[in-house]
Amino acid sequence: MKKSVEEDVFIPLYPKSTVEDKSSLRSKFQERRFWSALKLLSNVVLWDGIVQEDKVRDLGLSKLLNRYLLLNILNTPLGLDSIEKCNKVVACLPERWFQDLKGGSTLPELLNLSQHLLQ
């Protein structure tokens, strides 16, 4: 899993003006890479409970989400596409990671995503 995250994930960042045109080749390529990385995130978190939780959270949240997926989400113009991406990311996360959290708090690795969602 670590090798896949470190060597197989690539999401190019283009200026917002370039990706606003959904029919452009750059926009389509960036979208395909995002959804591929999101699928890898969902596969990584499936190992929760089998592999040590800190390893799964490091690979899934620290490396995949914060290094690749979140940058793409932040670069996506606000609208339905951005909402869909955020919903799909949140849907991947195991509920048990949030059971012991107090109201209004989140996992440290999700702080940036939480702040984006609040905006």
Protein backbone atom coordinates (compact mmCIF):
# COMPACT_ATOMS: atom_id res chain seq x y z
CA MET A 1 0.00 0.00 0.00
CA LYS A 2 2.80 2.37 0.91
CA LYS A 3 4.48 1.82 -2.45
CA SER A 4 1.23 2.54 -4.29
CA VAL A 5 0.66 5.75 -2.36
CA GLU A 6 4.23 6.95 -2.84
CA GLU A 7 4.80 5.89 -6.44
CA ASP A 8 1.45 5.53 -8.22
CA VAL A 9 -0.47 8.61 -7.15
CA PHE A 10 -0.11 11.70 -9.29
CA ILE A 11 -2.63 14.50 -9.52
CA PRO A 12 -1.39 17.46 -11.52
CA LEU A 13 -2.32 20.91 -10.29
CA TYR A 14 -3.35 23.32 -13.00
CA PRO A 15 -4.50 26.92 -12.56
CA LYS A 16 -8.21 27.21 -11.74
CA SER A 17 -8.79 28.99 -15.04
CA THR A 18 -7.51 25.90 -16.88
CA VAL A 19 -9.69 23.37 -15.06
CA GLU A 20 -12.88 25.46 -15.05
CA ASP A 21 -13.41 24.30 -18.63
CA LYS A 22 -14.59 20.74 -17.93
CA SER A 23 -14.12 19.76 -21.58
CA SER A 24 -10.39 20.58 -21.59
CA LEU A 25 -7.96 17.67 -21.67
CA ARG A 26 -6.16 18.97 -18.59
CA SER A 27 -9.37 19.11 -16.59
CA LYS A 28 -10.40 15.61 -17.66
CA PHE A 29 -6.97 14.19 -16.83
CA GLN A 30 -6.91 15.87 -13.42
CA GLU A 31 -10.40 14.52 -12.65
CA ARG A 32 -9.45 10.96 -13.62
CA ARG A 33 -6.37 11.12 -11.42
CA PHE A 34 -8.41 12.49 -8.50
CA TRP A 35 -10.98 9.69 -8.67
CA SER A 36 -8.23 7.10 -9.01
CA ALA A 37 -6.54 8.43 -5.86
CA LEU A 38 -9.88 8.48 -4.05
CA LYS A 39 -10.41 4.83 -4.95
CA LEU A 40 -6.99 4.08 -3.49
CA LEU A 41 -7.99 5.94 -0.30
CA SER A 42 -11.14 3.84 0.00
CA ASN A 43 -9.06 0.67 -0.45
CA VAL A 44 -6.47 1.77 2.12
CA VAL A 45 -9.07 2.49 4.81
CA LEU A 46 -10.65 -0.93 4.22
CA TRP A 47 -7.56 -2.32 5.97
CA ASP A 48 -8.56 -0.53 9.19
CA GLY A 49 -8.89 -3.15 11.91
CA ILE A 50 -6.52 -5.50 10.08
CA VAL A 51 -3.45 -3.28 9.83
CA GLN A 52 -2.50 -0.99 12.72
CA GLU A 53 -4.78 2.04 12.79
CA ASP A 54 -1.90 4.53 12.92
CA LYS A 55 -0.43 3.04 9.72
CA VAL A 56 -3.78 3.21 7.92
CA ARG A 57 -4.38 6.78 9.08
CA ASP A 58 -0.87 7.84 8.06
CA LEU A 59 -1.19 6.37 4.57
CA GLY A 60 -4.80 7.30 4.01
CA LEU A 61 -5.09 10.67 5.68
CA SER A 62 -1.63 12.18 6.02
CA LYS A 63 -0.28 11.01 2.70
CA LEU A 64 -3.23 10.49 0.33
CA LEU A 65 -5.83 12.92 1.59
CA ASN A 66 -3.66 15.81 2.73
CA ARG A 67 -0.93 15.49 0.12
CA TYR A 68 -3.02 14.85 -2.99
CA LEU A 69 -6.79 14.82 -2.65
CA LEU A 70 -7.22 17.92 -0.52
CA LEU A 71 -5.05 20.02 -2.83
CA ASN A 72 -7.29 19.04 -5.71
CA ILE A 73 -10.45 19.78 -3.72
CA LEU A 74 -9.13 23.21 -2.77
CA ASN A 75 -8.32 23.88 -6.43
CA THR A 76 -11.81 22.83 -7.57
CA PRO A 77 -14.16 25.78 -8.10
CA LEU A 78 -16.88 25.89 -5.43
CA GLY A 79 -20.00 24.12 -6.57
CA LEU A 80 -21.50 20.69 -7.02
CA ASP A 81 -18.21 19.09 -8.12
CA SER A 82 -16.46 20.27 -4.97
CA ILE A 83 -19.34 19.08 -2.78
CA GLU A 84 -19.36 15.67 -4.46
CA LYS A 85 -15.62 15.24 -3.93
CA CYS A 86 -15.90 16.16 -0.25
CA ASN A 87 -18.87 13.80 0.23
CA LYS A 88 -16.98 10.90 -1.36
CA VAL A 89 -13.90 11.52 0.79
CA VAL A 90 -15.95 11.64 3.99
CA ALA A 91 -17.86 8.50 2.97
CA CYS A 92 -14.55 6.58 2.84
CA LEU A 93 -13.66 7.28 6.46
CA PRO A 94 -14.39 4.58 9.05
CA GLU A 95 -17.01 5.70 11.59
CA ARG A 96 -15.10 4.15 14.48
CA TRP A 97 -12.34 6.76 14.06
CA PHE A 98 -14.83 9.37 15.27
CA GLN A 99 -16.52 7.51 18.15
CA ASP A 100 -14.36 8.89 20.95
CA LEU A 101 -14.26 12.48 19.70
CA LYS A 102 -16.02 15.23 21.59
CA GLY A 103 -18.56 17.41 19.76
CA GLY A 104 -16.99 19.95 17.44
CA SER A 105 -13.62 18.21 17.29
CA THR A 106 -12.02 16.12 14.58
CA LEU A 107 -8.97 14.00 13.91
CA PRO A 108 -5.78 16.06 13.61
CA GLU A 109 -5.24 14.75 10.07
CA LEU A 110 -8.68 16.05 9.06
CA LEU A 111 -8.27 19.58 10.37
CA ASN A 112 -7.62 21.13 6.94
CA LEU A 113 -10.54 19.28 5.34
CA SER A 114 -12.79 20.32 8.24
CA GLN A 115 -11.81 23.95 7.82
CA HIS A 116 -12.55 23.75 4.09
CA LEU A 117 -15.96 22.20 4.77
CA LEU A 118 -16.80 24.94 7.27
CA GLN A 119 -16.09 27.60 4.65
